[in-house]
Amino acid sequence: MNRIVVFASGLVIALTLAACNPYEFNMGRKHIMVCKVLTSLPSVEQGHNVATLHDTGAINMNYYGATQYLLTMDLRLKRGEGIRILLRPDVEQRDVKDSGMVLTVTRSGTWMSTGRQIIFRRPDVKFQPNELMPISLLSENHYTQVVLGCDTVYKGWSDQMESDDIVVQALEGSEVEVIAPDWAGLPDR
């Protein structure tokens, strides 16, 4: 009986210590995801439903190793130019090893790049200051779809390895709110 108590106490202590990491927080409503601050702590205001990224502040979002997902969230540009979203990155601790596909959304347009090559450019899809921009990211095997507002800006196949991480980063001098993210499974067919 004493061994069970000691083991249970150790488990509680281990869980308590893991929950005290100031760089980790949970976000979401229906599907709670683990987020990690990848930059300095003051660069990200952490919240359960809203995280505010300041001047290159970045967070990593993860949902229990799910590499196939439909991630939806709203973004709001409070000041500056915009945001980068890294799709298919390889993140270890707070270090991004591979940028995979990078979606950049700014006041002057939207583009996606990979390995320094621009996949598409949409100057008509702009990040309007103080307006909500709904975003939907679908990843299914090697297929990716990106919807900004009601506009599908990208659909395509990638030979890059799938990842269970999404990195969201404010551009230099920008302040962006990440609002009510939901990392769900793939829609039923």
C-alpha atoms as a PDB file:
ATOM      1  CA  MET A   1       0.000   0.000   0.000  1.00  0.00           C
ATOM      2  CA  ASN A   2       2.856   2.405   0.787  1.00  0.00           C
ATOM      3  CA  ARG A   3       4.368   1.816  -2.656  1.00  0.00           C
ATOM      4  CA  ILE A   4       1.137   2.859  -4.323  1.00  0.00           C
ATOM      5  CA  VAL A   5       0.979   6.034  -2.249  1.00  0.00           C
ATOM      6  CA  VAL A   6       4.613   6.879  -3.033  1.00  0.00           C
ATOM      7  CA  PHE A   7       4.087   6.213  -6.746  1.00  0.00           C
ATOM      8  CA  ALA A   8       0.884   8.255  -6.797  1.00  0.00           C
ATOM      9  CA  SER A   9       2.599  11.099  -4.938  1.00  0.00           C
ATOM     10  CA  GLY A  10       5.497  11.023  -7.402  1.00  0.00           C
ATOM     11  CA  LEU A  11       3.089  11.101 -10.313  1.00  0.00           C
ATOM     12  CA  VAL A  12       1.264  14.092  -8.870  1.00  0.00           C
ATOM     13  CA  ILE A  13       4.572  15.897  -8.301  1.00  0.00           C
ATOM     14  CA  ALA A  14       5.727  15.104 -11.860  1.00  0.00           C
ATOM     15  CA  LEU A  15       2.440  16.341 -13.333  1.00  0.00           C
ATOM     16  CA  THR A  16       2.539  19.465 -11.180  1.00  0.00           C
ATOM     17  CA  LEU A  17       6.104  20.292 -12.258  1.00  0.00           C
ATOM     18  CA  ALA A  18       5.228  19.792 -15.940  1.00  0.00           C
ATOM     19  CA  ALA A  19       2.222  22.112 -15.565  1.00  0.00           C
ATOM     20  CA  CYS A  20       4.428  24.874 -14.090  1.00  0.00           C
ATOM     21  CA  ASN A  21       6.501  25.443 -17.230  1.00  0.00           C
ATOM     22  CA  PRO A  22       6.004  29.164 -17.994  1.00  0.00           C
ATOM     23  CA  TYR A  23       6.628  28.546 -21.701  1.00  0.00           C
ATOM     24  CA  GLU A  24       3.706  26.081 -22.025  1.00  0.00           C
ATOM     25  CA  PHE A  25      -0.002  26.811 -21.991  1.00  0.00           C
ATOM     26  CA  ASN A  26      -3.232  25.300 -23.293  1.00  0.00           C
ATOM     27  CA  MET A  27      -5.527  26.897 -25.863  1.00  0.00           C
ATOM     28  CA  GLY A  28      -8.829  25.935 -27.376  1.00  0.00           C
ATOM     29  CA  ARG A  29     -12.419  25.245 -26.542  1.00  0.00           C
ATOM     30  CA  LYS A  30     -13.626  21.898 -27.829  1.00  0.00           C
ATOM     31  CA  HIS A  31     -10.184  20.435 -28.619  1.00  0.00           C
ATOM     32  CA  ILE A  32      -7.573  21.659 -26.144  1.00  0.00           C
ATOM     33  CA  MET A  33      -4.115  21.947 -27.692  1.00  0.00           C
ATOM     34  CA  VAL A  34      -0.719  22.396 -26.078  1.00  0.00           C
ATOM     35  CA  CYS A  35       1.071  25.608 -27.030  1.00  0.00           C
ATOM     36  CA  LYS A  36       4.683  26.532 -26.378  1.00  0.00           C
ATOM     37  CA  VAL A  37       6.212  29.978 -26.500  1.00  0.00           C
ATOM     38  CA  LEU A  38       9.202  29.721 -28.859  1.00  0.00           C
ATOM     39  CA  THR A  39      10.499  33.237 -28.246  1.00  0.00           C
ATOM     40  CA  SER A  40      11.012  35.307 -25.082  1.00  0.00           C
ATOM     41  CA  LEU A  41       8.135  35.146 -22.573  1.00  0.00           C
ATOM     42  CA  PRO A  42       7.242  38.866 -22.851  1.00  0.00           C
ATOM     43  CA  SER A  43       6.741  38.462 -26.622  1.00  0.00           C
ATOM     44  CA  VAL A  44       3.588  36.332 -26.085  1.00  0.00           C
ATOM     45  CA  GLU A  45       0.592  37.086 -23.872  1.00  0.00           C
ATOM     46  CA  GLN A  46      -0.785  33.639 -23.076  1.00  0.00           C
ATOM     47  CA  GLY A  47      -4.483  32.954 -22.737  1.00  0.00           C
ATOM     48  CA  HIS A  48      -6.879  30.034 -22.986  1.00  0.00           C
ATOM     49  CA  ASN A  49      -8.871  31.543 -25.868  1.00  0.00           C
ATOM     50  CA  VAL A  50      -6.598  34.365 -27.092  1.00  0.00           C
ATOM     51  CA  ALA A  51      -2.823  34.626 -27.386  1.00  0.00           C
ATOM     52  CA  THR A  52      -1.270  37.953 -28.403  1.00  0.00           C
ATOM     53  CA  LEU A  53       2.031  37.789 -30.287  1.00  0.00           C
ATOM     54  CA  HIS A  54       4.286  40.870 -30.122  1.00  0.00           C
ATOM     55  CA  ASP A  55       7.148  41.760 -32.501  1.00  0.00           C
ATOM     56  CA  THR A  56       8.364  38.342 -33.786  1.00  0.00           C
ATOM     57  CA  GLY A  57       6.721  36.516 -30.855  1.00  0.00           C
ATOM     58  CA  ALA A  58       5.989  32.895 -31.823  1.00  0.00           C
ATOM     59  CA  ILE A  59       4.027  29.942 -30.514  1.00  0.00           C
ATOM     60  CA  ASN A  60       4.044  26.285 -31.440  1.00  0.00           C
ATOM     61  CA  MET A  61       0.618  24.608 -31.508  1.00  0.00           C
ATOM     62  CA  ASN A  62       0.244  20.835 -31.143  1.00  0.00           C
ATOM     63  CA  TYR A  63      -2.640  18.428 -30.582  1.00  0.00           C
ATOM     64  CA  TYR A  64      -1.397  15.082 -29.217  1.00  0.00           C
ATOM     65  CA  GLY A  65       0.660  14.115 -32.248  1.00  0.00           C
ATOM     66  CA  ALA A  66      -2.176  14.509 -34.793  1.00  0.00           C
ATOM     67  CA  THR A  67      -0.640  14.910 -38.259  1.00  0.00           C
ATOM     68  CA  GLN A  68      -4.008  14.945 -40.029  1.00  0.00           C
ATOM     69  CA  TYR A  69      -6.235  17.799 -38.939  1.00  0.00           C
ATOM     70  CA  LEU A  70      -8.530  20.697 -39.668  1.00  0.00           C
ATOM     71  CA  LEU A  71      -7.232  23.663 -37.662  1.00  0.00           C
ATOM     72  CA  THR A  72      -9.454  26.733 -37.535  1.00  0.00           C
ATOM     73  CA  MET A  73      -8.814  30.032 -35.768  1.00  0.00           C
ATOM     74  CA  ASP A  74      -9.307  33.753 -36.115  1.00  0.00           C
ATOM     75  CA  LEU A  75      -6.460  36.223 -36.435  1.00  0.00           C
ATOM     76  CA  ARG A  76      -6.538  39.958 -35.737  1.00  0.00           C
ATOM     77  CA  LEU A  77      -3.776  42.371 -36.746  1.00  0.00           C
ATOM     78  CA  LYS A  78      -3.519  44.991 -33.991  1.00  0.00           C
ATOM     79  CA  ARG A  79      -0.496  46.818 -35.491  1.00  0.00           C
ATOM     80  CA  GLY A  80       2.314  46.255 -37.958  1.00  0.00           C
ATOM     81  CA  GLU A  81       2.415  44.215 -41.149  1.00  0.00           C
ATOM     82  CA  GLY A  82       1.255  40.676 -40.423  1.00  0.00           C
ATOM     83  CA  ILE A  83       2.017  37.105 -39.527  1.00  0.00           C
ATOM     84  CA  ARG A  84       3.805  33.927 -40.646  1.00  0.00           C
ATOM     85  CA  ILE A  85       2.335  30.453 -40.207  1.00  0.00           C
ATOM     86  CA  LEU A  86       4.752  27.552 -40.555  1.00  0.00           C
ATOM     87  CA  LEU A  87       3.065  24.397 -41.815  1.00  0.00           C
ATOM     88  CA  ARG A  88       4.883  21.061 -41.481  1.00  0.00           C
ATOM     89  CA  PRO A  89       7.727  22.355 -39.273  1.00  0.00           C
ATOM     90  CA  ASP A  90       9.945  20.119 -37.175  1.00  0.00           C
ATOM     91  CA  VAL A  91       9.984  21.616 -33.677  1.00  0.00           C
ATOM     92  CA  GLU A  92      12.194  20.342 -30.864  1.00  0.00           C
ATOM     93  CA  GLN A  93      11.911  22.073 -27.507  1.00  0.00           C
ATOM     94  CA  ARG A  94      11.829  25.745 -28.593  1.00  0.00           C
ATOM     95  CA  ASP A  95      13.932  25.311 -31.743  1.00  0.00           C
ATOM     96  CA  VAL A  96      12.380  25.100 -35.236  1.00  0.00           C
ATOM     97  CA  LYS A  97      14.559  22.717 -37.263  1.00  0.00           C
ATOM     98  CA  ASP A  98      12.642  22.883 -40.549  1.00  0.00           C
ATOM     99  CA  SER A  99      10.280  25.577 -41.769  1.00  0.00           C
ATOM    100  CA  GLY A 100       8.394  23.287 -44.178  1.00  0.00           C
ATOM    101  CA  MET A 101       5.777  25.418 -45.910  1.00  0.00           C
ATOM    102  CA  VAL A 102       5.481  29.056 -44.784  1.00  0.00           C
ATOM    103  CA  LEU A 103       2.263  31.038 -45.215  1.00  0.00           C
ATOM    104  CA  THR A 104       2.774  34.805 -44.885  1.00  0.00           C
ATOM    105  CA  VAL A 105      -0.279  37.057 -44.518  1.00  0.00           C
ATOM    106  CA  THR A 106       0.333  40.829 -44.590  1.00  0.00           C
ATOM    107  CA  ARG A 107      -1.383  44.144 -45.147  1.00  0.00           C
ATOM    108  CA  SER A 108      -0.046  44.085 -48.727  1.00  0.00           C
ATOM    109  CA  GLY A 109      -0.984  40.492 -49.643  1.00  0.00           C
ATOM    110  CA  THR A 110      -0.524  36.791 -48.985  1.00  0.00           C
ATOM    111  CA  TRP A 111       2.026  34.269 -50.245  1.00  0.00           C
ATOM    112  CA  MET A 112       3.273  30.776 -49.502  1.00  0.00           C
ATOM    113  CA  SER A 113       6.846  29.626 -49.834  1.00  0.00           C
ATOM    114  CA  THR A 114       8.927  26.546 -49.243  1.00  0.00           C
ATOM    115  CA  GLY A 115      12.706  26.335 -49.326  1.00  0.00           C
ATOM    116  CA  ARG A 116      12.982  29.951 -50.529  1.00  0.00           C
ATOM    117  CA  GLN A 117      10.678  29.235 -53.494  1.00  0.00           C
ATOM    118  CA  ILE A 118       7.346  31.049 -53.706  1.00  0.00           C
ATOM    119  CA  ILE A 119       4.484  28.609 -54.386  1.00  0.00           C
ATOM    120  CA  PHE A 120       1.839  31.290 -54.877  1.00  0.00           C
ATOM    121  CA  ARG A 121       1.296  35.012 -54.382  1.00  0.00           C
ATOM    122  CA  ARG A 122      -2.112  36.633 -53.765  1.00  0.00           C
ATOM    123  CA  PRO A 123      -1.854  40.440 -53.532  1.00  0.00           C
ATOM    124  CA  ASP A 124      -5.670  40.639 -53.314  1.00  0.00           C
ATOM    125  CA  VAL A 125      -5.882  38.704 -50.008  1.00  0.00           C
ATOM    126  CA  LYS A 126      -4.788  41.225 -47.377  1.00  0.00           C
ATOM    127  CA  PHE A 127      -4.641  41.305 -43.579  1.00  0.00           C
ATOM    128  CA  GLN A 128      -6.854  44.269 -42.653  1.00  0.00           C
ATOM    129  CA  PRO A 129      -5.937  45.945 -39.337  1.00  0.00           C
ATOM    130  CA  ASN A 130      -8.383  45.347 -36.448  1.00  0.00           C
ATOM    131  CA  GLU A 131     -10.607  43.004 -38.500  1.00  0.00           C
ATOM    132  CA  LEU A 132     -11.016  39.296 -37.780  1.00  0.00           C
ATOM    133  CA  MET A 133      -9.533  37.008 -40.402  1.00  0.00           C
ATOM    134  CA  PRO A 134     -10.837  33.445 -40.104  1.00  0.00           C
ATOM    135  CA  ILE A 135      -8.282  30.860 -41.198  1.00  0.00           C
ATOM    136  CA  SER A 136      -8.684  27.166 -41.885  1.00  0.00           C
ATOM    137  CA  LEU A 137      -5.731  24.791 -42.363  1.00  0.00           C
ATOM    138  CA  LEU A 138      -6.410  21.254 -43.577  1.00  0.00           C
ATOM    139  CA  SER A 139      -3.697  18.591 -43.599  1.00  0.00           C
ATOM    140  CA  GLU A 140      -4.520  15.122 -44.887  1.00  0.00           C
ATOM    141  CA  ASN A 141      -1.597  12.852 -45.686  1.00  0.00           C
ATOM    142  CA  HIS A 142       0.405  14.929 -48.170  1.00  0.00           C
ATOM    143  CA  TYR A 143      -2.507  17.184 -49.127  1.00  0.00           C
ATOM    144  CA  THR A 144      -2.765  20.737 -47.746  1.00  0.00           C
ATOM    145  CA  GLN A 145      -5.556  23.285 -48.081  1.00  0.00           C
ATOM    146  CA  VAL A 146      -5.476  26.871 -46.768  1.00  0.00           C
ATOM    147  CA  VAL A 147      -8.610  29.029 -46.531  1.00  0.00           C
ATOM    148  CA  LEU A 148      -8.415  32.694 -45.478  1.00  0.00           C
ATOM    149  CA  GLY A 149     -11.835  34.173 -44.805  1.00  0.00           C
ATOM    150  CA  CYS A 150     -13.951  32.406 -47.416  1.00  0.00           C
ATOM    151  CA  ASP A 151     -11.176  32.378 -50.020  1.00  0.00           C
ATOM    152  CA  THR A 152      -9.304  29.127 -50.672  1.00  0.00           C
ATOM    153  CA  VAL A 153      -5.818  30.452 -51.352  1.00  0.00           C
ATOM    154  CA  TYR A 154      -4.030  27.109 -51.682  1.00  0.00           C
ATOM    155  CA  LYS A 155      -4.818  23.464 -52.403  1.00  0.00           C
ATOM    156  CA  GLY A 156      -2.046  21.078 -53.237  1.00  0.00           C
ATOM    157  CA  TRP A 157       0.158  18.084 -52.595  1.00  0.00           C
ATOM    158  CA  SER A 158       3.508  18.197 -50.861  1.00  0.00           C
ATOM    159  CA  ASP A 159       6.314  15.676 -50.678  1.00  0.00           C
ATOM    160  CA  GLN A 160       7.383  17.148 -47.328  1.00  0.00           C
ATOM    161  CA  MET A 161       6.991  15.019 -44.235  1.00  0.00           C
ATOM    162  CA  GLU A 162       3.864  15.646 -42.215  1.00  0.00           C
ATOM    163  CA  SER A 163       4.200  17.196 -38.816  1.00  0.00           C
ATOM    164  CA  ASP A 164       2.101  17.473 -35.683  1.00  0.00           C
ATOM    165  CA  ASP A 165       3.120  21.111 -35.180  1.00  0.00           C
ATOM    166  CA  ILE A 166       1.977  24.500 -36.465  1.00  0.00           C
ATOM    167  CA  VAL A 167       4.061  27.579 -35.664  1.00  0.00           C
ATOM    168  CA  VAL A 168       2.444  31.030 -35.652  1.00  0.00           C
ATOM    169  CA  GLN A 169       4.741  34.080 -35.554  1.00  0.00           C
ATOM    170  CA  ALA A 170       4.119  37.826 -35.677  1.00  0.00           C
ATOM    171  CA  LEU A 171       6.259  39.663 -38.207  1.00  0.00           C
ATOM    172  CA  GLU A 172       8.776  42.216 -36.960  1.00  0.00           C
ATOM    173  CA  GLY A 173       7.019  45.234 -35.435  1.00  0.00           C
ATOM    174  CA  SER A 174       3.622  43.494 -35.578  1.00  0.00           C
ATOM    175  CA  GLU A 175       1.107  42.616 -32.885  1.00  0.00           C
ATOM    176  CA  VAL A 176      -1.327  39.829 -33.743  1.00  0.00           C
ATOM    177  CA  GLU A 177      -4.043  38.051 -31.775  1.00  0.00           C
ATOM    178  CA  VAL A 178      -4.579  34.311 -32.275  1.00  0.00           C
ATOM    179  CA  ILE A 179      -8.215  33.780 -31.295  1.00  0.00           C
ATOM    180  CA  ALA A 180     -10.167  30.610 -30.391  1.00  0.00           C
ATOM    181  CA  PRO A 181      -8.111  27.967 -32.222  1.00  0.00           C
ATOM    182  CA  ASP A 182      -9.717  24.567 -32.707  1.00  0.00           C
ATOM    183  CA  TRP A 183      -7.614  21.583 -33.814  1.00  0.00           C
ATOM    184  CA  ALA A 184     -10.148  19.001 -34.948  1.00  0.00           C
ATOM    185  CA  GLY A 185      -9.878  15.718 -36.758  1.00  0.00           C
ATOM    186  CA  LEU A 186     -10.612  15.517 -40.448  1.00  0.00           C
ATOM    187  CA  PRO A 187     -14.221  16.134 -41.430  1.00  0.00           C
ATOM    188  CA  ASP A 188     -16.355  13.051 -41.996  1.00  0.00           C
ATOM    189  CA  ARG A 189     -16.729  12.142 -45.626  1.00  0.00           C
END
